[in-house]
């Protein structure tokens, strides 16, 4: 599975330039990924999930994968 690969930096690089689409309030919206950041979750001091920190915001980051964490 794509997001479960261990090569965090490689995944971030592979996402650049990809198109992302969603349906929002009945409207198709989308864009191109022009920037990514790569963190190694619980072991990465720069990650919101460092040391398995569990909050509403970080819970998704501790999931098995195939889910994107998008923040403002």
N, C-alpha and C. Protein backbone atom coordinates (compact mmCIF):
# COMPACT_ATOMS: atom_id res chain seq x y z
N UNK A 1 0.83 -1.17 0.00
CA UNK A 1 0.00 0.00 0.00
C UNK A 1 0.88 1.25 0.00
N UNK A 2 0.48 2.23 -0.74
CA UNK A 2 1.30 3.41 -0.98
C UNK A 2 1.75 4.11 0.31
N UNK A 3 0.82 4.45 1.18
CA UNK A 3 1.17 5.22 2.38
C UNK A 3 1.84 4.37 3.46
N UNK A 4 1.88 3.08 3.31
CA UNK A 4 2.49 2.23 4.32
C UNK A 4 3.95 1.90 4.00
N UNK A 5 4.47 2.47 2.94
CA UNK A 5 5.88 2.26 2.62
C UNK A 5 6.74 2.93 3.69
N UNK A 6 7.91 2.40 3.94
CA UNK A 6 8.77 2.94 4.99
C UNK A 6 9.63 4.11 4.50
N UNK A 7 9.68 4.35 3.21
CA UNK A 7 10.51 5.41 2.66
C UNK A 7 9.75 6.74 2.68
N UNK A 8 9.69 7.37 3.84
CA UNK A 8 8.89 8.57 4.05
C UNK A 8 9.24 9.67 3.06
N UNK A 9 10.51 9.97 2.88
CA UNK A 9 10.91 11.03 1.96
C UNK A 9 10.53 10.71 0.52
N UNK A 10 10.66 9.46 0.13
CA UNK A 10 10.31 9.05 -1.22
C UNK A 10 8.81 9.23 -1.47
N UNK A 11 7.99 8.89 -0.50
CA UNK A 11 6.54 9.07 -0.64
C UNK A 11 6.22 10.55 -0.83
N UNK A 12 6.83 11.41 -0.01
CA UNK A 12 6.59 12.85 -0.12
C UNK A 12 6.97 13.36 -1.51
N UNK A 13 8.08 12.91 -2.04
CA UNK A 13 8.52 13.32 -3.37
C UNK A 13 7.59 12.80 -4.46
N UNK A 14 7.09 11.57 -4.30
CA UNK A 14 6.20 10.99 -5.29
C UNK A 14 4.85 11.71 -5.35
N UNK A 15 4.43 12.33 -4.26
CA UNK A 15 3.16 13.05 -4.24
C UNK A 15 3.20 14.38 -4.99
N UNK A 16 4.39 14.96 -5.11
CA UNK A 16 4.51 16.25 -5.80
C UNK A 16 4.01 16.16 -7.23
N UNK A 17 3.19 17.13 -7.60
CA UNK A 17 2.65 17.19 -8.95
C UNK A 17 1.40 16.36 -9.18
N UNK A 18 1.01 15.57 -8.19
CA UNK A 18 -0.20 14.76 -8.33
C UNK A 18 -1.44 15.63 -8.20
N UNK A 19 -2.51 15.23 -8.88
CA UNK A 19 -3.80 15.92 -8.81
C UNK A 19 -4.63 15.31 -7.69
N UNK A 20 -5.30 16.15 -6.93
CA UNK A 20 -6.14 15.71 -5.82
C UNK A 20 -7.53 16.30 -6.02
N UNK A 21 -8.55 15.44 -6.03
CA UNK A 21 -9.93 15.88 -6.27
C UNK A 21 -10.84 15.40 -5.16
N UNK A 22 -11.89 16.16 -4.92
CA UNK A 22 -12.91 15.78 -3.96
C UNK A 22 -14.24 16.40 -4.37
N UNK A 23 -15.29 15.87 -3.82
CA UNK A 23 -16.60 16.47 -4.02
C UNK A 23 -16.95 17.21 -2.73
N UNK A 24 -17.14 18.51 -2.82
CA UNK A 24 -17.43 19.33 -1.66
C UNK A 24 -18.72 20.10 -1.90
N UNK A 25 -19.73 19.82 -1.08
CA UNK A 25 -21.04 20.45 -1.20
C UNK A 25 -21.58 20.35 -2.63
N UNK A 26 -21.42 19.17 -3.22
CA UNK A 26 -21.94 18.92 -4.55
C UNK A 26 -21.09 19.47 -5.68
N UNK A 27 -19.99 20.08 -5.36
CA UNK A 27 -19.10 20.65 -6.37
C UNK A 27 -17.80 19.84 -6.42
N UNK A 28 -17.35 19.55 -7.63
CA UNK A 28 -16.06 18.91 -7.79
C UNK A 28 -14.98 19.97 -7.59
N UNK A 29 -14.10 19.72 -6.64
CA UNK A 29 -12.99 20.64 -6.39
C UNK A 29 -11.69 19.86 -6.51
N UNK A 30 -10.62 20.56 -6.79
CA UNK A 30 -9.36 19.86 -6.92
C UNK A 30 -8.19 20.80 -7.01
N UNK A 31 -7.03 20.22 -7.06
CA UNK A 31 -5.81 21.01 -7.17
C UNK A 31 -4.63 20.09 -7.41
N UNK A 32 -3.47 20.71 -7.48
CA UNK A 32 -2.23 19.98 -7.71
C UNK A 32 -1.38 20.12 -6.46
N UNK A 33 -0.81 19.03 -6.00
CA UNK A 33 0.07 19.06 -4.82
C UNK A 33 1.39 19.71 -5.23
N UNK A 34 1.69 20.84 -4.61
CA UNK A 34 2.92 21.58 -4.95
C UNK A 34 3.92 21.59 -3.79
N UNK A 35 3.49 21.10 -2.63
CA UNK A 35 4.38 21.08 -1.48
C UNK A 35 4.01 19.91 -0.57
N UNK A 36 5.00 19.25 -0.05
CA UNK A 36 4.77 18.17 0.91
C UNK A 36 5.76 18.32 2.06
N UNK A 37 5.45 17.69 3.15
CA UNK A 37 6.38 17.58 4.28
C UNK A 37 6.41 16.11 4.68
N UNK A 38 7.53 15.67 5.18
CA UNK A 38 7.68 14.25 5.53
C UNK A 38 8.10 14.11 6.98
N UNK A 39 7.28 13.39 7.74
CA UNK A 39 7.58 13.12 9.14
C UNK A 39 7.45 11.62 9.39
N UNK A 40 8.20 11.12 10.32
CA UNK A 40 8.16 9.69 10.64
C UNK A 40 7.37 9.43 11.92
N UNK A 41 6.26 10.13 12.06
CA UNK A 41 5.32 9.90 13.14
C UNK A 41 5.90 9.93 14.53
N UNK A 42 5.63 8.89 15.29
CA UNK A 42 5.97 8.83 16.71
C UNK A 42 7.46 8.96 17.00
N UNK A 43 8.32 8.64 16.04
CA UNK A 43 9.76 8.71 16.27
C UNK A 43 10.38 10.03 15.84
N UNK A 44 9.60 10.90 15.21
CA UNK A 44 10.10 12.16 14.65
C UNK A 44 9.75 13.33 15.57
N UNK A 45 10.76 13.98 16.15
CA UNK A 45 10.53 15.07 17.09
C UNK A 45 9.74 16.24 16.49
N UNK A 46 9.77 16.39 15.18
CA UNK A 46 9.05 17.48 14.53
C UNK A 46 7.58 17.13 14.24
N UNK A 47 7.20 15.89 14.46
CA UNK A 47 5.84 15.44 14.16
C UNK A 47 4.88 15.78 15.30
N UNK A 48 3.65 16.12 14.94
CA UNK A 48 2.61 16.34 15.94
C UNK A 48 2.31 15.07 16.73
N UNK A 49 2.67 13.92 16.18
CA UNK A 49 2.40 12.63 16.83
C UNK A 49 3.63 12.06 17.56
N UNK A 50 4.65 12.88 17.77
CA UNK A 50 5.87 12.42 18.43
C UNK A 50 5.55 11.75 19.77
N UNK A 51 6.19 10.65 20.04
CA UNK A 51 5.99 9.83 21.24
C UNK A 51 4.55 9.34 21.36
N UNK A 52 3.92 9.08 20.20
CA UNK A 52 2.53 8.58 20.16
C UNK A 52 1.55 9.52 20.86
N UNK A 53 1.82 10.82 20.77
CA UNK A 53 0.92 11.81 21.37
C UNK A 53 -0.45 11.69 20.73
N UNK A 54 -1.45 11.40 21.51
CA UNK A 54 -2.80 11.18 20.99
C UNK A 54 -3.72 12.34 21.37
N UNK A 55 -4.17 13.02 20.33
CA UNK A 55 -5.19 14.06 20.48
C UNK A 55 -6.17 13.84 19.34
N UNK A 56 -7.25 14.59 19.33
CA UNK A 56 -8.19 14.49 18.20
C UNK A 56 -7.47 14.73 16.88
N UNK A 57 -6.56 15.70 16.89
CA UNK A 57 -5.85 16.08 15.68
C UNK A 57 -4.84 15.02 15.24
N UNK A 58 -4.17 14.38 16.18
CA UNK A 58 -3.10 13.45 15.80
C UNK A 58 -3.56 12.01 15.66
N UNK A 59 -4.74 11.68 16.11
CA UNK A 59 -5.21 10.30 16.05
C UNK A 59 -5.07 9.70 14.65
N UNK A 60 -5.39 10.47 13.64
CA UNK A 60 -5.31 9.99 12.25
C UNK A 60 -3.87 9.68 11.84
N UNK A 61 -2.91 10.38 12.44
CA UNK A 61 -1.51 10.17 12.10
C UNK A 61 -0.98 8.84 12.65
N UNK A 62 -1.68 8.28 13.60
CA UNK A 62 -1.26 7.02 14.21
C UNK A 62 -2.01 5.82 13.63
N UNK A 63 -2.81 6.07 12.60
CA UNK A 63 -3.54 5.00 11.91
C UNK A 63 -2.58 4.18 11.05
N UNK A 64 -3.04 3.07 10.52
CA UNK A 64 -2.18 2.18 9.75
C UNK A 64 -1.74 2.74 8.40
N UNK A 65 -2.48 3.64 7.83
CA UNK A 65 -2.09 4.20 6.54
C UNK A 65 -3.26 4.36 5.61
N UNK A 66 -2.95 4.82 4.41
CA UNK A 66 -3.96 5.06 3.36
C UNK A 66 -4.88 6.22 3.71
N UNK A 67 -4.48 7.06 4.66
CA UNK A 67 -5.26 8.23 5.04
C UNK A 67 -4.31 9.43 5.02
N UNK A 68 -4.75 10.52 4.45
CA UNK A 68 -3.92 11.72 4.39
C UNK A 68 -4.25 12.64 5.56
N UNK A 69 -3.23 13.22 6.14
CA UNK A 69 -3.36 14.21 7.21
C UNK A 69 -3.13 15.56 6.58
N UNK A 70 -4.15 16.38 6.53
CA UNK A 70 -4.03 17.71 5.91
C UNK A 70 -4.30 18.74 6.99
N UNK A 71 -3.44 19.73 7.10
CA UNK A 71 -3.62 20.77 8.11
C UNK A 71 -3.54 22.14 7.45
N UNK A 72 -3.98 23.13 8.17
CA UNK A 72 -4.00 24.50 7.63
C UNK A 72 -2.65 25.15 7.72
